[in-house]
Amino acid sequence: MHPVKMILTYDIRPDIQDRYYQFMLGEMVPTLNTIGLSMSGAWHTAYGNYPARLVEFVAEDRATLERVIASETYERLEQELQQFVLNYQRKSVPLRENLFQF
């Protein structure tokens, strides 16, 4: 088994920032944790022309990640997240321990 990382990048809509944080901390992160993804990091871009937020989730292997992404639960969470953000992108990469991945 080779762990994989799912990387979400986006800009948070400033008009609904509080609701974004409530959703992420109260629903998305705990739900993904129960269905096979563990949050491994959240990064904020303070300077430069990059997405404001980069959030990382780790799965034990690619099959687990694909199962989670294909689930109705993930589809619902992703759709709801996109109500709070702009310029949303998702990708998966092999996990490289102790390295920042973009």
PDB file of N, CA and C in Angstrom:
ATOM      1  N   MET A   1       0.842  -1.189   0.000  1.00  0.00           N
ATOM      2  CA  MET A   1       0.000   0.000   0.000  1.00  0.00           C
ATOM      3  C   MET A   1       0.883   1.246   0.000  1.00  0.00           C
ATOM      4  N   HIS A   2       0.489   2.193  -0.817  1.00  0.00           N
ATOM      5  CA  HIS A   2       1.195   3.461  -0.893  1.00  0.00           C
ATOM      6  C   HIS A   2       0.215   4.590  -0.599  1.00  0.00           C
ATOM      7  N   PRO A   3       0.432   5.335   0.476  1.00  0.00           N
ATOM      8  CA  PRO A   3      -0.478   6.445   0.805  1.00  0.00           C
ATOM      9  C   PRO A   3      -0.499   7.497  -0.303  1.00  0.00           C
ATOM     10  N   VAL A   4      -1.655   8.120  -0.450  1.00  0.00           N
ATOM     11  CA  VAL A   4      -1.814   9.204  -1.416  1.00  0.00           C
ATOM     12  C   VAL A   4      -2.391  10.415  -0.718  1.00  0.00           C
ATOM     13  N   LYS A   5      -2.126  11.568  -1.309  1.00  0.00           N
ATOM     14  CA  LYS A   5      -2.601  12.825  -0.740  1.00  0.00           C
ATOM     15  C   LYS A   5      -3.553  13.480  -1.728  1.00  0.00           C
ATOM     16  N   MET A   6      -4.686  13.953  -1.230  1.00  0.00           N
ATOM     17  CA  MET A   6      -5.610  14.757  -2.011  1.00  0.00           C
ATOM     18  C   MET A   6      -5.374  16.206  -1.610  1.00  0.00           C
ATOM     19  N   ILE A   7      -5.145  17.050  -2.608  1.00  0.00           N
ATOM     20  CA  ILE A   7      -4.856  18.458  -2.363  1.00  0.00           C
ATOM     21  C   ILE A   7      -5.983  19.299  -2.939  1.00  0.00           C
ATOM     22  N   LEU A   8      -6.588  20.116  -2.087  1.00  0.00           N
ATOM     23  CA  LEU A   8      -7.628  21.046  -2.510  1.00  0.00           C
ATOM     24  C   LEU A   8      -7.043  22.456  -2.439  1.00  0.00           C
ATOM     25  N   THR A   9      -7.213  23.228  -3.509  1.00  0.00           N
ATOM     26  CA  THR A   9      -6.779  24.617  -3.491  1.00  0.00           C
ATOM     27  C   THR A   9      -7.946  25.499  -3.901  1.00  0.00           C
ATOM     28  N   TYR A  10      -8.015  26.685  -3.282  1.00  0.00           N
ATOM     29  CA  TYR A  10      -9.120  27.597  -3.574  1.00  0.00           C
ATOM     30  C   TYR A  10      -8.918  28.918  -2.859  1.00  0.00           C
ATOM     31  N   ASP A  11      -9.776  29.866  -3.211  1.00  0.00           N
ATOM     32  CA  ASP A  11      -9.870  31.153  -2.522  1.00  0.00           C
ATOM     33  C   ASP A  11     -11.193  31.170  -1.770  1.00  0.00           C
ATOM     34  N   ILE A  12     -11.169  31.596  -0.539  1.00  0.00           N
ATOM     35  CA  ILE A  12     -12.388  31.668   0.271  1.00  0.00           C
ATOM     36  C   ILE A  12     -13.140  32.944  -0.085  1.00  0.00           C
ATOM     37  N   ARG A  13     -14.436  32.824  -0.308  1.00  0.00           N
ATOM     38  CA  ARG A  13     -15.250  34.017  -0.579  1.00  0.00           C
ATOM     39  C   ARG A  13     -15.293  34.863   0.694  1.00  0.00           C
ATOM     40  N   PRO A  14     -14.861  36.111   0.617  1.00  0.00           N
ATOM     41  CA  PRO A  14     -14.765  36.940   1.829  1.00  0.00           C
ATOM     42  C   PRO A  14     -16.118  37.243   2.463  1.00  0.00           C
ATOM     43  N   ASP A  15     -17.184  37.250   1.694  1.00  0.00           N
ATOM     44  CA  ASP A  15     -18.497  37.601   2.232  1.00  0.00           C
ATOM     45  C   ASP A  15     -19.103  36.504   3.104  1.00  0.00           C
ATOM     46  N   ILE A  16     -18.578  35.275   3.012  1.00  0.00           N
ATOM     47  CA  ILE A  16     -19.142  34.177   3.810  1.00  0.00           C
ATOM     48  C   ILE A  16     -18.047  33.359   4.496  1.00  0.00           C
ATOM     49  N   GLN A  17     -16.981  34.028   4.878  1.00  0.00           N
ATOM     50  CA  GLN A  17     -15.841  33.371   5.498  1.00  0.00           C
ATOM     51  C   GLN A  17     -16.211  32.610   6.773  1.00  0.00           C
ATOM     52  N   ASP A  18     -17.043  33.198   7.621  1.00  0.00           N
ATOM     53  CA  ASP A  18     -17.433  32.526   8.871  1.00  0.00           C
ATOM     54  C   ASP A  18     -18.180  31.229   8.590  1.00  0.00           C
ATOM     55  N   ARG A  19     -19.081  31.258   7.632  1.00  0.00           N
ATOM     56  CA  ARG A  19     -19.822  30.038   7.281  1.00  0.00           C
ATOM     57  C   ARG A  19     -18.903  28.980   6.692  1.00  0.00           C
ATOM     58  N   TYR A  20     -17.886  29.400   5.937  1.00  0.00           N
ATOM     59  CA  TYR A  20     -16.886  28.471   5.401  1.00  0.00           C
ATOM     60  C   TYR A  20     -16.207  27.733   6.552  1.00  0.00           C
ATOM     61  N   TYR A  21     -15.715  28.470   7.550  1.00  0.00           N
ATOM     62  CA  TYR A  21     -15.008  27.843   8.666  1.00  0.00           C
ATOM     63  C   TYR A  21     -15.928  26.903   9.446  1.00  0.00           C
ATOM     64  N   GLN A  22     -17.161  27.294   9.650  1.00  0.00           N
ATOM     65  CA  GLN A  22     -18.116  26.421  10.340  1.00  0.00           C
ATOM     66  C   GLN A  22     -18.312  25.121   9.570  1.00  0.00           C
ATOM     67  N   PHE A  23     -18.445  25.212   8.262  1.00  0.00           N
ATOM     68  CA  PHE A  23     -18.632  24.029   7.432  1.00  0.00           C
ATOM     69  C   PHE A  23     -17.392  23.131   7.464  1.00  0.00           C
ATOM     70  N   MET A  24     -16.218  23.712   7.242  1.00  0.00           N
ATOM     71  CA  MET A  24     -14.993  22.908   7.195  1.00  0.00           C
ATOM     72  C   MET A  24     -14.734  22.194   8.515  1.00  0.00           C
ATOM     73  N   LEU A  25     -14.783  22.945   9.614  1.00  0.00           N
ATOM     74  CA  LEU A  25     -14.448  22.368  10.912  1.00  0.00           C
ATOM     75  C   LEU A  25     -15.572  21.538  11.513  1.00  0.00           C
ATOM     76  N   GLY A  26     -16.819  21.900  11.202  1.00  0.00           N
ATOM     77  CA  GLY A  26     -17.946  21.202  11.794  1.00  0.00           C
ATOM     78  C   GLY A  26     -18.484  20.041  10.981  1.00  0.00           C
ATOM     79  N   GLU A  27     -18.212  20.047   9.664  1.00  0.00           N
ATOM     80  CA  GLU A  27     -18.790  18.995   8.825  1.00  0.00           C
ATOM     81  C   GLU A  27     -17.774  18.309   7.918  1.00  0.00           C
ATOM     82  N   MET A  28     -17.091  19.064   7.079  1.00  0.00           N
ATOM     83  CA  MET A  28     -16.262  18.419   6.058  1.00  0.00           C
ATOM     84  C   MET A  28     -15.122  17.601   6.649  1.00  0.00           C
ATOM     85  N   VAL A  29     -14.310  18.205   7.491  1.00  0.00           N
ATOM     86  CA  VAL A  29     -13.158  17.487   8.044  1.00  0.00           C
ATOM     87  C   VAL A  29     -13.594  16.276   8.867  1.00  0.00           C
ATOM     88  N   PRO A  30     -14.546  16.412   9.794  1.00  0.00           N
ATOM     89  CA  PRO A  30     -14.940  15.226  10.569  1.00  0.00           C
ATOM     90  C   PRO A  30     -15.564  14.124   9.704  1.00  0.00           C
ATOM     91  N   THR A  31     -16.351  14.509   8.710  1.00  0.00           N
ATOM     92  CA  THR A  31     -16.988  13.499   7.860  1.00  0.00           C
ATOM     93  C   THR A  31     -15.956  12.768   7.029  1.00  0.00           C
ATOM     94  N   LEU A  32     -15.027  13.492   6.413  1.00  0.00           N
ATOM     95  CA  LEU A  32     -13.986  12.828   5.618  1.00  0.00           C
ATOM     96  C   LEU A  32     -13.148  11.907   6.490  1.00  0.00           C
ATOM     97  N   ASN A  33     -12.917  12.296   7.717  1.00  0.00           N
ATOM     98  CA  ASN A  33     -12.161  11.448   8.634  1.00  0.00           C
ATOM     99  C   ASN A  33     -12.871  10.119   8.875  1.00  0.00           C
ATOM    100  N   THR A  34     -14.184  10.146   8.961  1.00  0.00           N
ATOM    101  CA  THR A  34     -14.923   8.901   9.222  1.00  0.00           C
ATOM    102  C   THR A  34     -15.034   8.003   7.997  1.00  0.00           C
ATOM    103  N   ILE A  35     -14.833   8.556   6.793  1.00  0.00           N
ATOM    104  CA  ILE A  35     -14.960   7.724   5.593  1.00  0.00           C
ATOM    105  C   ILE A  35     -13.621   7.396   4.932  1.00  0.00           C
ATOM    106  N   GLY A  36     -12.502   7.713   5.588  1.00  0.00           N
ATOM    107  CA  GLY A  36     -11.224   7.215   5.101  1.00  0.00           C
ATOM    108  C   GLY A  36     -10.147   8.222   4.765  1.00  0.00           C
ATOM    109  N   LEU A  37     -10.407   9.520   4.952  1.00  0.00           N
ATOM    110  CA  LEU A  37      -9.374  10.528   4.679  1.00  0.00           C
ATOM    111  C   LEU A  37      -9.031  11.271   5.959  1.00  0.00           C
ATOM    112  N   SER A  38      -7.749  11.463   6.203  1.00  0.00           N
ATOM    113  CA  SER A  38      -7.298  12.214   7.370  1.00  0.00           C
ATOM    114  C   SER A  38      -6.714  13.536   6.905  1.00  0.00           C
ATOM    115  N   MET A  39      -7.127  14.610   7.543  1.00  0.00           N
ATOM    116  CA  MET A  39      -6.568  15.910   7.200  1.00  0.00           C
ATOM    117  C   MET A  39      -5.116  15.947   7.681  1.00  0.00           C
ATOM    118  N   SER A  40      -4.208  16.323   6.766  1.00  0.00           N
ATOM    119  CA  SER A  40      -2.798  16.351   7.131  1.00  0.00           C
ATOM    120  C   SER A  40      -2.228  17.760   7.161  1.00  0.00           C
ATOM    121  N   GLY A  41      -2.983  18.733   6.656  1.00  0.00           N
ATOM    122  CA  GLY A  41      -2.475  20.093   6.699  1.00  0.00           C
ATOM    123  C   GLY A  41      -3.431  21.071   6.058  1.00  0.00           C
ATOM    124  N   ALA A  42      -3.302  22.315   6.471  1.00  0.00           N
ATOM    125  CA  ALA A  42      -4.046  23.423   5.869  1.00  0.00           C
ATOM    126  C   ALA A  42      -3.093  24.594   5.819  1.00  0.00           C
ATOM    127  N   TRP A  43      -2.960  25.182   4.660  1.00  0.00           N
ATOM    128  CA  TRP A  43      -1.998  26.254   4.445  1.00  0.00           C
ATOM    129  C   TRP A  43      -2.710  27.489   3.934  1.00  0.00           C
ATOM    130  N   HIS A  44      -2.231  28.643   4.381  1.00  0.00           N
ATOM    131  CA  HIS A  44      -2.763  29.924   3.919  1.00  0.00           C
ATOM    132  C   HIS A  44      -1.667  30.663   3.179  1.00  0.00           C
ATOM    133  N   THR A  45      -1.978  31.175   1.990  1.00  0.00           N
ATOM    134  CA  THR A  45      -1.013  31.961   1.227  1.00  0.00           C
ATOM    135  C   THR A  45      -1.105  33.410   1.678  1.00  0.00           C
ATOM    136  N   ALA A  46      -0.024  33.918   2.217  1.00  0.00           N
ATOM    137  CA  ALA A  46       0.005  35.304   2.702  1.00  0.00           C
ATOM    138  C   ALA A  46       0.513  36.268   1.636  1.00  0.00           C
ATOM    139  N   TYR A  47       1.257  35.763   0.658  1.00  0.00           N
ATOM    140  CA  TYR A  47       1.835  36.639  -0.344  1.00  0.00           C
ATOM    141  C   TYR A  47       1.982  35.874  -1.653  1.00  0.00           C
ATOM    142  N   GLY A  48       1.700  36.533  -2.747  1.00  0.00           N
ATOM    143  CA  GLY A  48       1.902  35.939  -4.061  1.00  0.00           C
ATOM    144  C   GLY A  48       0.594  35.632  -4.757  1.00  0.00           C
ATOM    145  N   ASN A  49       0.704  35.306  -6.010  1.00  0.00           N
ATOM    146  CA  ASN A  49      -0.459  35.032  -6.847  1.00  0.00           C
ATOM    147  C   ASN A  49      -0.759  33.536  -6.871  1.00  0.00           C
ATOM    148  N   TYR A  50      -1.183  33.014  -5.727  1.00  0.00           N
ATOM    149  CA  TYR A  50      -1.517  31.607  -5.564  1.00  0.00           C
ATOM    150  C   TYR A  50      -2.871  31.524  -4.871  1.00  0.00           C
ATOM    151  N   PRO A  51      -3.507  30.360  -4.897  1.00  0.00           N
ATOM    152  CA  PRO A  51      -4.758  30.231  -4.148  1.00  0.00           C
ATOM    153  C   PRO A  51      -4.530  30.559  -2.666  1.00  0.00           C
ATOM    154  N   ALA A  52      -5.529  31.161  -2.054  1.00  0.00           N
ATOM    155  CA  ALA A  52      -5.409  31.560  -0.644  1.00  0.00           C
ATOM    156  C   ALA A  52      -5.308  30.360   0.291  1.00  0.00           C
ATOM    157  N   ARG A  53      -5.890  29.238  -0.092  1.00  0.00           N
ATOM    158  CA  ARG A  53      -5.941  28.086   0.804  1.00  0.00           C
ATOM    159  C   ARG A  53      -5.504  26.837   0.057  1.00  0.00           C
ATOM    160  N   LEU A  54      -4.721  26.007   0.749  1.00  0.00           N
ATOM    161  CA  LEU A  54      -4.349  24.684   0.288  1.00  0.00           C
ATOM    162  C   LEU A  54      -4.627  23.743   1.449  1.00  0.00           C
ATOM    163  N   VAL A  55      -5.489  22.754   1.227  1.00  0.00           N
ATOM    164  CA  VAL A  55      -5.868  21.811   2.274  1.00  0.00           C
ATOM    165  C   VAL A  55      -5.501  20.411   1.799  1.00  0.00           C
ATOM    166  N   GLU A  56      -4.891  19.626   2.687  1.00  0.00           N
ATOM    167  CA  GLU A  56      -4.409  18.295   2.337  1.00  0.00           C
ATOM    168  C   GLU A  56      -5.127  17.227   3.154  1.00  0.00           C
ATOM    169  N   PHE A  57      -5.509  16.156   2.469  1.00  0.00           N
ATOM    170  CA  PHE A  57      -6.078  14.972   3.112  1.00  0.00           C
ATOM    171  C   PHE A  57      -5.288  13.758   2.630  1.00  0.00           C
ATOM    172  N   VAL A  58      -5.068  12.791   3.511  1.00  0.00           N
ATOM    173  CA  VAL A  58      -4.296  11.600   3.173  1.00  0.00           C
ATOM    174  C   VAL A  58      -5.192  10.367   3.266  1.00  0.00           C
ATOM    175  N   ALA A  59      -5.026   9.476   2.270  1.00  0.00           N
ATOM    176  CA  ALA A  59      -5.696   8.174   2.263  1.00  0.00           C
ATOM    177  C   ALA A  59      -4.626   7.092   2.320  1.00  0.00           C
ATOM    178  N   GLU A  60      -4.977   5.934   2.846  1.00  0.00           N
ATOM    179  CA  GLU A  60      -3.979   4.867   2.988  1.00  0.00           C
ATOM    180  C   GLU A  60      -3.494   4.341   1.642  1.00  0.00           C
ATOM    181  N   ASP A  61      -4.328   4.469   0.603  1.00  0.00           N
ATOM    182  CA  ASP A  61      -3.927   4.044  -0.738  1.00  0.00           C
ATOM    183  C   ASP A  61      -4.857   4.676  -1.767  1.00  0.00           C
ATOM    184  N   ARG A  62      -4.502   4.535  -3.047  1.00  0.00           N
ATOM    185  CA  ARG A  62      -5.289   5.152  -4.121  1.00  0.00           C
ATOM    186  C   ARG A  62      -6.706   4.584  -4.184  1.00  0.00           C
ATOM    187  N   ALA A  63      -6.871   3.300  -3.925  1.00  0.00           N
ATOM    188  CA  ALA A  63      -8.207   2.697  -3.960  1.00  0.00           C
ATOM    189  C   ALA A  63      -9.128   3.341  -2.925  1.00  0.00           C
ATOM    190  N   THR A  64      -8.609   3.612  -1.745  1.00  0.00           N
ATOM    191  CA  THR A  64      -9.408   4.274  -0.711  1.00  0.00           C
ATOM    192  C   THR A  64      -9.797   5.676  -1.155  1.00  0.00           C
ATOM    193  N   LEU A  65      -8.835   6.416  -1.694  1.00  0.00           N
ATOM    194  CA  LEU A  65      -9.135   7.770  -2.162  1.00  0.00           C
ATOM    195  C   LEU A  65     -10.192   7.739  -3.262  1.00  0.00           C
ATOM    196  N   GLU A  66     -10.052   6.850  -4.214  1.00  0.00           N
ATOM    197  CA  GLU A  66     -11.023   6.760  -5.309  1.00  0.00           C
ATOM    198  C   GLU A  66     -12.412   6.380  -4.796  1.00  0.00           C
ATOM    199  N   ARG A  67     -12.464   5.480  -3.809  1.00  0.00           N
ATOM    200  CA  ARG A  67     -13.756   5.103  -3.214  1.00  0.00           C
ATOM    201  C   ARG A  67     -14.406   6.305  -2.544  1.00  0.00           C
ATOM    202  N   VAL A  68     -13.622   7.074  -1.796  1.00  0.00           N
ATOM    203  CA  VAL A  68     -14.158   8.247  -1.104  1.00  0.00           C
ATOM    204  C   VAL A  68     -14.648   9.282  -2.112  1.00  0.00           C
ATOM    205  N   ILE A  69     -13.838   9.596  -3.114  1.00  0.00           N
ATOM    206  CA  ILE A  69     -14.212  10.601  -4.108  1.00  0.00           C
ATOM    207  C   ILE A  69     -15.468  10.196  -4.884  1.00  0.00           C
ATOM    208  N   ALA A  70     -15.651   8.904  -5.100  1.00  0.00           N
ATOM    209  CA  ALA A  70     -16.820   8.423  -5.840  1.00  0.00           C
ATOM    210  C   ALA A  70     -18.081   8.337  -4.980  1.00  0.00           C
ATOM    211  N   SER A  71     -17.950   8.527  -3.681  1.00  0.00           N
ATOM    212  CA  SER A  71     -19.102   8.372  -2.784  1.00  0.00           C
ATOM    213  C   SER A  71     -20.054   9.565  -2.871  1.00  0.00           C
ATOM    214  N   GLU A  72     -21.316   9.290  -2.597  1.00  0.00           N
ATOM    215  CA  GLU A  72     -22.315  10.365  -2.546  1.00  0.00           C
ATOM    216  C   GLU A  72     -21.976  11.367  -1.446  1.00  0.00           C
ATOM    217  N   THR A  73     -21.432  10.877  -0.344  1.00  0.00           N
ATOM    218  CA  THR A  73     -21.067  11.758   0.766  1.00  0.00           C
ATOM    219  C   THR A  73     -20.032  12.776   0.320  1.00  0.00           C
ATOM    220  N   TYR A  74     -18.987  12.315  -0.376  1.00  0.00           N
ATOM    221  CA  TYR A  74     -17.959  13.252  -0.826  1.00  0.00           C
ATOM    222  C   TYR A  74     -18.520  14.220  -1.866  1.00  0.00           C
ATOM    223  N   GLU A  75     -19.303  13.719  -2.777  1.00  0.00           N
ATOM    224  CA  GLU A  75     -19.893  14.593  -3.798  1.00  0.00           C
ATOM    225  C   GLU A  75     -20.702  15.717  -3.154  1.00  0.00           C
ATOM    226  N   ARG A  76     -21.469  15.377  -2.121  1.00  0.00           N
ATOM    227  CA  ARG A  76     -22.267  16.390  -1.414  1.00  0.00           C
ATOM    228  C   ARG A  76     -21.360  17.404  -0.718  1.00  0.00           C
ATOM    229  N   LEU A  77     -20.329  16.911  -0.036  1.00  0.00           N
ATOM    230  CA  LEU A  77     -19.405  17.809   0.662  1.00  0.00           C
ATOM    231  C   LEU A  77     -18.678  18.727  -0.316  1.00  0.00           C
ATOM    232  N   GLU A  78     -18.238  18.181  -1.425  1.00  0.00           N
ATOM    233  CA  GLU A  78     -17.518  18.985  -2.408  1.00  0.00           C
ATOM    234  C   GLU A  78     -18.425  20.060  -3.003  1.00  0.00           C
ATOM    235  N   GLN A  79     -19.663  19.707  -3.297  1.00  0.00           N
ATOM    236  CA  GLN A  79     -20.612  20.693  -3.822  1.00  0.00           C
ATOM    237  C   GLN A  79     -20.864  21.802  -2.803  1.00  0.00           C
ATOM    238  N   GLU A  80     -21.013  21.420  -1.546  1.00  0.00           N
ATOM    239  CA  GLU A  80     -21.250  22.430  -0.515  1.00  0.00           C
ATOM    240  C   GLU A  80     -20.022  23.318  -0.323  1.00  0.00           C
ATOM    241  N   LEU A  81     -18.834  22.727  -0.328  1.00  0.00           N
ATOM    242  CA  LEU A  81     -17.613  23.522  -0.211  1.00  0.00           C
ATOM    243  C   LEU A  81     -17.548  24.569  -1.316  1.00  0.00           C
ATOM    244  N   GLN A  82     -17.919  24.195  -2.525  1.00  0.00           N
ATOM    245  CA  GLN A  82     -17.814  25.113  -3.656  1.00  0.00           C
ATOM    246  C   GLN A  82     -18.760  26.309  -3.536  1.00  0.00           C
ATOM    247  N   GLN A  83     -19.724  26.264  -2.636  1.00  0.00           N
ATOM    248  CA  GLN A  83     -20.575  27.428  -2.379  1.00  0.00           C
ATOM    249  C   GLN A  83     -19.809  28.505  -1.598  1.00  0.00           C
ATOM    250  N   PHE A  84     -18.745  28.106  -0.900  1.00  0.00           N
ATOM    251  CA  PHE A  84     -17.987  29.021  -0.041  1.00  0.00           C
ATOM    252  C   PHE A  84     -16.687  29.509  -0.673  1.00  0.00           C
ATOM    253  N   VAL A  85     -16.317  28.950  -1.828  1.00  0.00           N
ATOM    254  CA  VAL A  85     -14.991  29.231  -2.385  1.00  0.00           C
ATOM    255  C   VAL A  85     -15.061  29.578  -3.869  1.00  0.00           C
ATOM    256  N   LEU A  86     -13.946  30.108  -4.367  1.00  0.00           N
ATOM    257  CA  LEU A  86     -13.758  30.401  -5.788  1.00  0.00           C
ATOM    258  C   LEU A  86     -12.476  29.710  -6.243  1.00  0.00           C
ATOM    259  N   ASN A  87     -12.353  29.486  -7.537  1.00  0.00           N
ATOM    260  CA  ASN A  87     -11.121  28.926  -8.120  1.00  0.00           C
ATOM    261  C   ASN A  87     -10.747  27.576  -7.512  1.00  0.00           C
ATOM    262  N   TYR A  88     -11.751  26.740  -7.282  1.00  0.00           N
ATOM    263  CA  TYR A  88     -11.554  25.434  -6.646  1.00  0.00           C
ATOM    264  C   TYR A  88     -10.860  24.463  -7.590  1.00  0.00           C
ATOM    265  N   GLN A  89      -9.862  23.740  -7.061  1.00  0.00           N
ATOM    266  CA  GLN A  89      -9.210  22.667  -7.793  1.00  0.00           C
ATOM    267  C   GLN A  89      -8.899  21.532  -6.835  1.00  0.00           C
ATOM    268  N   ARG A  90      -8.956  20.315  -7.371  1.00  0.00           N
ATOM    269  CA  ARG A  90      -8.635  19.117  -6.579  1.00  0.00           C
ATOM    270  C   ARG A  90      -7.675  18.265  -7.389  1.00  0.00           C
ATOM    271  N   LYS A  91      -6.659  17.733  -6.712  1.00  0.00           N
ATOM    272  CA  LYS A  91      -5.774  16.774  -7.374  1.00  0.00           C
ATOM    273  C   LYS A  91      -5.269  15.783  -6.338  1.00  0.00           C
ATOM    274  N   SER A  92      -4.744  14.673  -6.821  1.00  0.00           N
ATOM    275  CA  SER A  92      -4.155  13.684  -5.923  1.00  0.00           C
ATOM    276  C   SER A  92      -2.735  13.392  -6.390  1.00  0.00           C
ATOM    277  N   VAL A  93      -1.873  13.141  -5.411  1.00  0.00           N
ATOM    278  CA  VAL A  93      -0.467  12.869  -5.673  1.00  0.00           C
ATOM    279  C   VAL A  93       0.006  11.788  -4.702  1.00  0.00           C
ATOM    280  N   PRO A  94       1.047  11.044  -5.065  1.00  0.00           N
ATOM    281  CA  PRO A  94       1.631  10.114  -4.093  1.00  0.00           C
ATOM    282  C   PRO A  94       2.134  10.903  -2.882  1.00  0.00           C
ATOM    283  N   LEU A  95       1.920  10.387  -1.707  1.00  0.00           N
ATOM    284  CA  LEU A  95       2.358  11.060  -0.487  1.00  0.00           C
ATOM    285  C   LEU A  95       3.884  11.048  -0.400  1.00  0.00           C
ATOM    286  N   ARG A  96       4.450  12.209  -0.176  1.00  0.00           N
ATOM    287  CA  ARG A  96       5.889  12.349   0.069  1.00  0.00           C
ATOM    288  C   ARG A  96       6.028  12.892   1.479  1.00  0.00           C
ATOM    289  N   GLU A  97       6.473  12.052   2.376  1.00  0.00           N
ATOM    290  CA  GLU A  97       6.568  12.398   3.805  1.00  0.00           C
ATOM    291  C   GLU A  97       7.408  13.652   4.035  1.00  0.00           C
ATOM    292  N   ASN A  98       6.900  14.511   4.911  1.00  0.00           N
ATOM    293  CA  ASN A  98       7.618  15.697   5.384  1.00  0.00           C
ATOM    294  C   ASN A  98       7.988  16.684   4.281  1.00  0.00           C
ATOM    295  N   LEU A  99       7.256  16.684   3.174  1.00  0.00           N
ATOM    296  CA  LEU A  99       7.515  17.629   2.091  1.00  0.00           C
ATOM    297  C   LEU A  99       6.227  18.368   1.764  1.00  0.00           C
ATOM    298  N   PHE A 100       6.354  19.657   1.526  1.00  0.00           N
ATOM    299  CA  PHE A 100       5.209  20.449   1.065  1.00  0.00           C
ATOM    300  C   PHE A 100       4.942  20.071  -0.380  1.00  0.00           C
ATOM    301  N   GLN A 101       3.690  19.740  -0.680  1.00  0.00           N
ATOM    302  CA  GLN A 101       3.311  19.364  -2.040  1.00  0.00           C
ATOM    303  C   GLN A 101       2.240  20.315  -2.537  1.00  0.00           C
ATOM    304  N   PHE A 102       2.400  20.804  -3.777  1.00  0.00           N
ATOM    305  CA  PHE A 102       1.442  21.739  -4.353  1.00  0.00           C
ATOM    306  C   PHE A 102       0.955  21.215  -5.671  1.00  0.00           C
TER     307      PHE A 102
END
